[in-house]
Amino acid sequence: EKRTVKQEVPESLVGYVMGRERAVIKELARQTRTEITCPVKGGKPEFEITGQAHCTDAAIACIEAKVYQASGKMTWQMESWFAQETINIHVPPDRVGFVVGSMGQVISSIAAQTNTMIISPKKGHEPVFVVTGPKHAVLLAKAAIDDKVHGAQAGGHG
């Protein structure tokens, strides 16, 4: 179920959040699997974000993190985003290998890209990945693991 949300930022920071030739916002959209429409010059300084709920939440957190980087101020919403969180991600037993990858390369890469710590299930144990990190990072890691699970089911190699 897709949704569209708006995230307002201080006008002076719109360019910083978008990045040179919109590189930052394009990468953010790619990583969070959302579509992000940038503010129009002279218009309201807000980004329009479309995607799955957990993806739009992650995109908003990333935009807020950029604003924080630029301004040095932390909003109360961001404090909750920066709080560490641990979640368990259940994966079908026959998909664990796709998520872990050869010699653990896939899961290590997901952990590195999302700045999370991920504990993989042991052989013969329940197929649960334990992910710890800031809330927005944990959501990104969950999305990446879900991608691998569903990519594998579609017959692709992820």
N, C-alpha and C. Protein backbone atom coordinates (compact mmCIF):
# COMPACT_ATOMS: atom_id res chain seq x y z
N GLU A 1 0.84 -1.19 0.00
CA GLU A 1 0.00 0.00 0.00
C GLU A 1 0.89 1.25 0.00
N LYS A 2 0.84 1.99 -1.11
CA LYS A 2 1.66 3.20 -1.22
C LYS A 2 0.98 4.38 -0.56
N ARG A 3 1.80 5.31 -0.07
CA ARG A 3 1.26 6.54 0.49
C ARG A 3 2.20 7.69 0.10
N THR A 4 1.68 8.90 0.19
CA THR A 4 2.49 10.08 -0.09
C THR A 4 2.48 10.96 1.14
N VAL A 5 3.66 11.37 1.56
CA VAL A 5 3.79 12.25 2.73
C VAL A 5 4.65 13.45 2.33
N LYS A 6 4.52 14.52 3.09
CA LYS A 6 5.33 15.72 2.83
C LYS A 6 6.26 15.94 4.01
N GLN A 7 7.48 16.35 3.71
CA GLN A 7 8.45 16.66 4.76
C GLN A 7 8.99 18.05 4.51
N GLU A 8 8.65 18.98 5.40
CA GLU A 8 9.12 20.35 5.25
C GLU A 8 10.51 20.47 5.85
N VAL A 9 11.36 21.29 5.22
CA VAL A 9 12.70 21.55 5.74
C VAL A 9 12.93 23.06 5.73
N PRO A 10 13.87 23.56 6.55
CA PRO A 10 14.15 25.00 6.49
C PRO A 10 14.56 25.38 5.06
N GLU A 11 14.00 26.49 4.58
CA GLU A 11 14.25 26.92 3.20
C GLU A 11 15.74 26.99 2.87
N SER A 12 16.53 27.46 3.84
CA SER A 12 17.97 27.61 3.60
C SER A 12 18.69 26.28 3.42
N LEU A 13 18.04 25.16 3.77
CA LEU A 13 18.70 23.86 3.70
C LEU A 13 18.19 22.96 2.57
N VAL A 14 17.25 23.46 1.77
CA VAL A 14 16.71 22.65 0.68
C VAL A 14 17.84 22.16 -0.25
N GLY A 15 18.71 23.07 -0.63
CA GLY A 15 19.82 22.71 -1.53
C GLY A 15 20.75 21.69 -0.91
N TYR A 16 21.00 21.81 0.39
CA TYR A 16 21.87 20.87 1.09
C TYR A 16 21.26 19.47 1.09
N VAL A 17 19.96 19.40 1.34
CA VAL A 17 19.27 18.10 1.37
C VAL A 17 19.25 17.47 -0.03
N MET A 18 19.06 18.30 -1.07
CA MET A 18 19.01 17.75 -2.44
C MET A 18 20.39 17.33 -2.92
N GLY A 19 21.41 18.11 -2.56
CA GLY A 19 22.76 17.80 -3.03
C GLY A 19 23.00 18.35 -4.42
N ARG A 20 24.26 18.32 -4.82
CA ARG A 20 24.64 18.81 -6.13
C ARG A 20 23.97 17.99 -7.22
N GLU A 21 23.31 18.64 -8.15
CA GLU A 21 22.53 17.99 -9.22
C GLU A 21 21.57 16.93 -8.65
N ARG A 22 21.07 17.22 -7.45
CA ARG A 22 20.11 16.35 -6.76
C ARG A 22 20.66 14.97 -6.44
N ALA A 23 21.97 14.83 -6.39
CA ALA A 23 22.61 13.53 -6.16
C ALA A 23 22.22 12.94 -4.80
N VAL A 24 22.18 13.78 -3.77
CA VAL A 24 21.88 13.29 -2.42
C VAL A 24 20.45 12.76 -2.35
N ILE A 25 19.50 13.54 -2.85
CA ILE A 25 18.10 13.13 -2.74
C ILE A 25 17.81 11.93 -3.65
N LYS A 26 18.48 11.84 -4.80
CA LYS A 26 18.30 10.67 -5.69
C LYS A 26 18.79 9.40 -5.01
N GLU A 27 19.96 9.49 -4.36
CA GLU A 27 20.51 8.33 -3.66
C GLU A 27 19.62 7.95 -2.48
N LEU A 28 19.11 8.96 -1.76
CA LEU A 28 18.22 8.72 -0.64
C LEU A 28 16.94 8.00 -1.13
N ALA A 29 16.41 8.45 -2.26
CA ALA A 29 15.21 7.82 -2.83
C ALA A 29 15.51 6.36 -3.21
N ARG A 30 16.69 6.14 -3.79
CA ARG A 30 17.07 4.78 -4.20
C ARG A 30 17.19 3.87 -2.98
N GLN A 31 17.89 4.35 -1.96
CA GLN A 31 18.12 3.53 -0.76
C GLN A 31 16.83 3.24 0.00
N THR A 32 15.90 4.18 0.00
CA THR A 32 14.66 3.98 0.77
C THR A 32 13.52 3.45 -0.11
N ARG A 33 13.81 3.22 -1.40
CA ARG A 33 12.82 2.72 -2.36
C ARG A 33 11.57 3.59 -2.36
N THR A 34 11.78 4.92 -2.49
CA THR A 34 10.67 5.87 -2.55
C THR A 34 10.86 6.76 -3.77
N GLU A 35 9.80 7.47 -4.12
CA GLU A 35 9.89 8.52 -5.14
C GLU A 35 9.85 9.83 -4.36
N ILE A 36 10.81 10.70 -4.62
CA ILE A 36 10.85 11.96 -3.89
C ILE A 36 10.81 13.13 -4.86
N THR A 37 9.80 13.99 -4.70
CA THR A 37 9.67 15.20 -5.50
C THR A 37 10.25 16.35 -4.71
N CYS A 38 11.15 17.09 -5.34
CA CYS A 38 11.83 18.20 -4.67
C CYS A 38 10.99 19.46 -4.70
N PRO A 39 11.22 20.36 -3.72
CA PRO A 39 10.50 21.63 -3.70
C PRO A 39 10.84 22.47 -4.94
N VAL A 40 9.89 23.26 -5.37
CA VAL A 40 10.10 24.16 -6.51
C VAL A 40 10.62 25.48 -5.96
N LYS A 41 11.59 26.07 -6.66
CA LYS A 41 12.16 27.36 -6.22
C LYS A 41 11.02 28.36 -6.04
N GLY A 42 11.02 29.04 -4.89
CA GLY A 42 9.97 30.01 -4.63
C GLY A 42 8.73 29.41 -4.02
N GLY A 43 8.62 28.07 -4.06
CA GLY A 43 7.45 27.41 -3.48
C GLY A 43 7.70 27.02 -2.04
N LYS A 44 6.82 26.20 -1.49
CA LYS A 44 6.95 25.74 -0.11
C LYS A 44 8.17 24.81 -0.02
N PRO A 45 9.03 24.98 1.01
CA PRO A 45 10.22 24.13 1.10
C PRO A 45 9.91 22.74 1.66
N GLU A 46 9.18 21.94 0.86
CA GLU A 46 8.86 20.60 1.34
C GLU A 46 9.08 19.56 0.25
N PHE A 47 9.50 18.39 0.68
CA PHE A 47 9.72 17.26 -0.21
C PHE A 47 8.49 16.38 -0.15
N GLU A 48 8.08 15.87 -1.30
CA GLU A 48 6.94 14.95 -1.35
C GLU A 48 7.50 13.55 -1.56
N ILE A 49 7.16 12.64 -0.66
CA ILE A 49 7.73 11.30 -0.66
C ILE A 49 6.63 10.27 -0.85
N THR A 50 6.79 9.40 -1.84
CA THR A 50 5.79 8.38 -2.12
C THR A 50 6.44 7.00 -2.05
N GLY A 51 5.74 6.08 -1.38
CA GLY A 51 6.23 4.71 -1.27
C GLY A 51 5.51 3.96 -0.17
N GLN A 52 6.01 2.76 0.15
CA GLN A 52 5.46 1.97 1.25
C GLN A 52 5.67 2.75 2.54
N ALA A 53 4.80 2.54 3.53
CA ALA A 53 4.87 3.30 4.78
C ALA A 53 6.25 3.24 5.44
N HIS A 54 6.83 2.03 5.57
CA HIS A 54 8.13 1.94 6.25
C HIS A 54 9.22 2.60 5.43
N CYS A 55 9.06 2.64 4.11
CA CYS A 55 10.04 3.30 3.24
C CYS A 55 9.95 4.82 3.36
N THR A 56 8.72 5.35 3.38
CA THR A 56 8.57 6.81 3.51
C THR A 56 9.05 7.26 4.90
N ASP A 57 8.82 6.43 5.93
CA ASP A 57 9.31 6.75 7.28
C ASP A 57 10.84 6.85 7.26
N ALA A 58 11.48 5.90 6.58
CA ALA A 58 12.94 5.89 6.51
C ALA A 58 13.43 7.11 5.74
N ALA A 59 12.74 7.48 4.65
CA ALA A 59 13.14 8.65 3.86
C ALA A 59 13.03 9.93 4.70
N ILE A 60 11.94 10.06 5.46
CA ILE A 60 11.77 11.24 6.32
C ILE A 60 12.90 11.30 7.34
N ALA A 61 13.23 10.15 7.91
CA ALA A 61 14.32 10.11 8.91
C ALA A 61 15.63 10.55 8.27
N CYS A 62 15.89 10.13 7.06
CA CYS A 62 17.13 10.50 6.37
C CYS A 62 17.16 12.00 6.06
N ILE A 63 16.02 12.54 5.64
CA ILE A 63 15.95 13.98 5.36
C ILE A 63 16.18 14.76 6.67
N GLU A 64 15.54 14.30 7.76
CA GLU A 64 15.73 14.96 9.05
C GLU A 64 17.19 14.87 9.49
N ALA A 65 17.82 13.74 9.22
CA ALA A 65 19.22 13.56 9.60
C ALA A 65 20.10 14.56 8.83
N LYS A 66 19.78 14.78 7.55
CA LYS A 66 20.51 15.76 6.74
C LYS A 66 20.35 17.17 7.32
N VAL A 67 19.11 17.51 7.68
CA VAL A 67 18.84 18.83 8.27
C VAL A 67 19.64 18.97 9.56
N TYR A 68 19.65 17.90 10.36
CA TYR A 68 20.40 17.92 11.62
C TYR A 68 21.90 18.11 11.35
N GLN A 69 22.44 17.38 10.36
CA GLN A 69 23.86 17.52 10.00
C GLN A 69 24.18 18.98 9.69
N ALA A 70 23.28 19.61 8.95
CA ALA A 70 23.52 20.97 8.49
C ALA A 70 23.34 21.99 9.60
N SER A 71 22.36 21.77 10.47
CA SER A 71 22.00 22.80 11.45
C SER A 71 22.56 22.54 12.84
N GLY A 72 22.91 21.29 13.11
CA GLY A 72 23.41 20.95 14.44
C GLY A 72 22.32 20.88 15.49
N LYS A 73 21.06 20.97 15.06
CA LYS A 73 19.95 20.90 16.01
C LYS A 73 19.22 19.56 15.85
N MET A 74 18.84 18.99 16.96
CA MET A 74 18.12 17.73 16.89
C MET A 74 16.68 17.94 17.31
N THR A 75 15.74 17.49 16.48
CA THR A 75 14.32 17.62 16.83
C THR A 75 13.95 16.43 17.72
N TRP A 76 12.84 16.52 18.40
CA TRP A 76 12.43 15.40 19.26
C TRP A 76 12.13 14.16 18.41
N GLN A 77 11.63 14.36 17.15
CA GLN A 77 11.37 13.19 16.30
C GLN A 77 12.68 12.48 16.00
N MET A 78 13.73 13.30 15.74
CA MET A 78 15.01 12.71 15.40
C MET A 78 15.62 11.98 16.58
N GLU A 79 15.42 12.50 17.79
CA GLU A 79 15.97 11.80 18.94
C GLU A 79 15.41 10.39 19.00
N SER A 80 14.13 10.26 18.67
CA SER A 80 13.56 8.90 18.69
C SER A 80 14.13 8.08 17.54
N TRP A 81 14.44 8.73 16.40
CA TRP A 81 15.04 7.99 15.28
C TRP A 81 16.45 7.54 15.61
N PHE A 82 17.20 8.37 16.37
CA PHE A 82 18.58 8.02 16.66
C PHE A 82 18.71 7.03 17.81
N ALA A 83 17.62 6.81 18.54
CA ALA A 83 17.66 5.82 19.61
C ALA A 83 17.90 4.44 19.00
N GLN A 84 18.70 3.63 19.66
CA GLN A 84 19.00 2.29 19.14
C GLN A 84 17.74 1.42 19.24
N GLU A 85 17.58 0.58 18.26
CA GLU A 85 16.43 -0.32 18.23
C GLU A 85 16.91 -1.68 17.75
N THR A 86 16.29 -2.72 18.24
CA THR A 86 16.62 -4.08 17.78
C THR A 86 15.33 -4.73 17.32
N ILE A 87 15.37 -5.31 16.14
CA ILE A 87 14.20 -6.04 15.64
C ILE A 87 14.63 -7.43 15.17
N ASN A 88 13.67 -8.36 15.17
CA ASN A 88 13.89 -9.69 14.64
C ASN A 88 13.19 -9.78 13.30
N ILE A 89 13.90 -10.26 12.29
CA ILE A 89 13.30 -10.40 10.96
C ILE A 89 13.25 -11.89 10.62
N HIS A 90 12.02 -12.40 10.56
CA HIS A 90 11.82 -13.82 10.23
C HIS A 90 11.89 -13.98 8.72
N VAL A 91 12.62 -15.00 8.28
CA VAL A 91 12.82 -15.24 6.86
C VAL A 91 12.45 -16.71 6.59
N PRO A 92 11.80 -17.02 5.45
CA PRO A 92 11.53 -18.44 5.16
C PRO A 92 12.85 -19.21 5.17
N PRO A 93 12.87 -20.41 5.79
CA PRO A 93 14.11 -21.16 5.91
C PRO A 93 14.87 -21.35 4.59
N ASP A 94 14.12 -21.53 3.50
CA ASP A 94 14.79 -21.76 2.20
C ASP A 94 15.33 -20.47 1.58
N ARG A 95 15.13 -19.33 2.25
CA ARG A 95 15.61 -18.04 1.72
C ARG A 95 16.81 -17.49 2.50
N VAL A 96 17.14 -18.13 3.62
CA VAL A 96 18.23 -17.64 4.47
C VAL A 96 19.53 -17.52 3.66
N GLY A 97 19.81 -18.51 2.84
CA GLY A 97 21.04 -18.50 2.02
C GLY A 97 21.12 -17.32 1.08
N PHE A 98 19.99 -16.92 0.51
CA PHE A 98 19.97 -15.76 -0.40
C PHE A 98 20.30 -14.48 0.36
N VAL A 99 19.81 -14.39 1.60
CA VAL A 99 20.03 -13.19 2.41
C VAL A 99 21.47 -13.13 2.92
N VAL A 100 22.00 -14.29 3.36
CA VAL A 100 23.36 -14.33 3.90
C VAL A 100 24.38 -14.18 2.77
N GLY A 101 24.16 -14.89 1.67
CA GLY A 101 25.09 -14.82 0.54
C GLY A 101 26.31 -15.69 0.77
N SER A 102 27.10 -15.83 -0.28
CA SER A 102 28.30 -16.65 -0.24
C SER A 102 29.28 -16.05 0.77
N MET A 103 29.71 -16.85 1.75
CA MET A 103 30.66 -16.41 2.79
C MET A 103 30.13 -15.20 3.56
N GLY A 104 28.80 -15.04 3.60
CA GLY A 104 28.21 -13.94 4.37
C GLY A 104 28.33 -12.57 3.71
N GLN A 105 28.68 -12.55 2.41
CA GLN A 105 28.92 -11.27 1.75
C GLN A 105 27.68 -10.39 1.65
N VAL A 106 26.52 -10.98 1.34
CA VAL A 106 25.30 -10.19 1.15
C VAL A 106 24.88 -9.52 2.45
N ILE A 107 24.80 -10.30 3.53
CA ILE A 107 24.35 -9.74 4.80
C ILE A 107 25.38 -8.75 5.35
N SER A 108 26.65 -8.99 5.13
CA SER A 108 27.69 -8.05 5.58
C SER A 108 27.55 -6.73 4.85
N SER A 109 27.26 -6.82 3.56
CA SER A 109 27.09 -5.62 2.74
C SER A 109 25.87 -4.83 3.20
N ILE A 110 24.77 -5.52 3.50
CA ILE A 110 23.56 -4.84 3.99
C ILE A 110 23.87 -4.14 5.31
N ALA A 111 24.57 -4.81 6.21
CA ALA A 111 24.91 -4.22 7.51
C ALA A 111 25.79 -2.98 7.31
N ALA A 112 26.78 -3.07 6.41
CA ALA A 112 27.69 -1.95 6.18
C ALA A 112 26.95 -0.76 5.56
N GLN A 113 26.11 -1.04 4.56
CA GLN A 113 25.39 0.03 3.86
C GLN A 113 24.37 0.73 4.74
N THR A 114 23.81 0.01 5.72
CA THR A 114 22.75 0.59 6.54
C THR A 114 23.25 1.00 7.94
N ASN A 115 24.54 0.80 8.20
CA ASN A 115 25.10 1.12 9.52
C ASN A 115 24.37 0.42 10.65
N THR A 116 24.10 -0.88 10.45
CA THR A 116 23.44 -1.67 11.49
C THR A 116 24.33 -2.85 11.85
N MET A 117 24.02 -3.49 12.95
CA MET A 117 24.68 -4.73 13.31
C MET A 117 23.65 -5.82 13.07
N ILE A 118 24.01 -6.82 12.28
CA ILE A 118 23.05 -7.88 11.95
C ILE A 118 23.63 -9.24 12.34
N ILE A 119 22.86 -9.97 13.14
CA ILE A 119 23.26 -11.33 13.53
C ILE A 119 22.43 -12.30 12.70
N SER A 120 23.13 -13.15 11.95
CA SER A 120 22.46 -14.13 11.08
C SER A 120 22.07 -15.37 11.88
N PRO A 121 21.00 -16.05 11.43
CA PRO A 121 20.60 -17.27 12.13
C PRO A 121 21.65 -18.36 11.95
N LYS A 122 21.79 -19.22 12.95
CA LYS A 122 22.72 -20.35 12.85
C LYS A 122 22.01 -21.49 12.15
N LYS A 123 22.79 -22.31 11.43
CA LYS A 123 22.21 -23.47 10.74
C LYS A 123 21.45 -24.35 11.74
N GLY A 124 20.25 -24.75 11.35
CA GLY A 124 19.46 -25.63 12.20
C GLY A 124 18.64 -24.88 13.25
N HIS A 125 18.85 -23.57 13.38
CA HIS A 125 18.07 -22.76 14.32
C HIS A 125 16.97 -22.03 13.58
N GLU A 126 16.14 -21.32 14.35
CA GLU A 126 15.04 -20.54 13.76
C GLU A 126 15.61 -19.51 12.78
N PRO A 127 14.99 -19.37 11.57
CA PRO A 127 15.52 -18.45 10.55
C PRO A 127 15.19 -16.99 10.85
N VAL A 128 15.89 -16.42 11.86
CA VAL A 128 15.62 -15.06 12.30
C VAL A 128 16.92 -14.25 12.27
N PHE A 129 16.87 -13.10 11.61
CA PHE A 129 17.99 -12.18 11.61
C PHE A 129 17.71 -11.13 12.68
N VAL A 130 18.71 -10.82 13.51
CA VAL A 130 18.55 -9.81 14.56
C VAL A 130 19.30 -8.57 14.11
N VAL A 131 18.57 -7.47 13.95
CA VAL A 131 19.14 -6.23 13.42
C VAL A 131 19.09 -5.14 14.50
N THR A 132 20.23 -4.51 14.76
CA THR A 132 20.32 -3.44 15.77
C THR A 132 20.95 -2.20 15.15
N GLY A 133 20.38 -1.04 15.49
CA GLY A 133 20.93 0.23 15.02
C GLY A 133 19.92 1.33 15.24
N PRO A 134 20.20 2.54 14.73
CA PRO A 134 19.21 3.61 14.81
C PRO A 134 17.95 3.17 14.06
N LYS A 135 16.78 3.64 14.49
CA LYS A 135 15.51 3.17 13.92
C LYS A 135 15.49 3.26 12.40
N HIS A 136 15.90 4.41 11.83
CA HIS A 136 15.84 4.56 10.37
C HIS A 136 16.77 3.56 9.68
N ALA A 137 17.92 3.26 10.30
CA ALA A 137 18.87 2.32 9.72
C ALA A 137 18.31 0.89 9.78
N VAL A 138 17.65 0.57 10.89
CA VAL A 138 17.03 -0.75 11.05
C VAL A 138 15.95 -0.95 9.98
N LEU A 139 15.16 0.11 9.72
CA LEU A 139 14.13 0.03 8.68
C LEU A 139 14.75 -0.20 7.29
N LEU A 140 15.86 0.48 7.03
CA LEU A 140 16.55 0.29 5.74
C LEU A 140 17.07 -1.14 5.62
N ALA A 141 17.64 -1.67 6.70
CA ALA A 141 18.16 -3.04 6.69
C ALA A 141 17.03 -4.04 6.47
N LYS A 142 15.89 -3.80 7.14
CA LYS A 142 14.73 -4.68 6.97
C LYS A 142 14.28 -4.67 5.50
N ALA A 143 14.23 -3.48 4.92
CA ALA A 143 13.81 -3.36 3.51
C ALA A 143 14.78 -4.12 2.60
N ALA A 144 16.08 -4.02 2.88
CA ALA A 144 17.08 -4.69 2.06
C ALA A 144 16.96 -6.22 2.19
N ILE A 145 16.73 -6.69 3.42
CA ILE A 145 16.56 -8.14 3.64
C ILE A 145 15.28 -8.62 2.96
N ASP A 146 14.19 -7.85 3.09
CA ASP A 146 12.93 -8.20 2.41
C ASP A 146 13.14 -8.29 0.90
N ASP A 147 13.93 -7.35 0.36
CA ASP A 147 14.25 -7.36 -1.08
C ASP A 147 14.90 -8.67 -1.47
N LYS A 148 15.88 -9.11 -0.68
CA LYS A 148 16.59 -10.35 -0.99
C LYS A 148 15.63 -11.54 -0.93
N VAL A 149 14.76 -11.56 0.06
CA VAL A 149 13.80 -12.66 0.21
C VAL A 149 12.86 -12.70 -1.00
N HIS A 150 12.29 -11.53 -1.35
CA HIS A 150 11.33 -11.50 -2.46
C HIS A 150 12.00 -11.61 -3.81
N GLY A 151 13.22 -11.09 -3.93
CA GLY A 151 13.99 -11.22 -5.17
C GLY A 151 14.27 -12.69 -5.44
N ALA A 152 14.60 -13.43 -4.39
CA ALA A 152 14.90 -14.85 -4.53
C ALA A 152 13.66 -15.61 -4.95
N GLN A 153 12.49 -15.22 -4.41
CA GLN A 153 11.25 -15.93 -4.76
C GLN A 153 10.87 -15.69 -6.21
N ALA A 154 11.30 -14.52 -6.75
CA ALA A 154 10.97 -14.22 -8.15
C ALA A 154 11.91 -14.96 -9.09
N GLY A 155 12.86 -15.71 -8.52
CA GLY A 155 13.76 -16.49 -9.36
C GLY A 155 15.00 -15.73 -9.75
N GLY A 156 15.13 -14.48 -9.28
CA GLY A 156 16.32 -13.69 -9.59
C GLY A 156 17.42 -13.99 -8.60
N HIS A 157 18.56 -13.34 -8.77
CA HIS A 157 19.67 -13.55 -7.85
C HIS A 157 19.83 -12.36 -6.92
N GLY A 158 18.82 -11.52 -6.80
CA GLY A 158 18.82 -10.44 -5.84
C GLY A 158 19.57 -9.26 -6.32
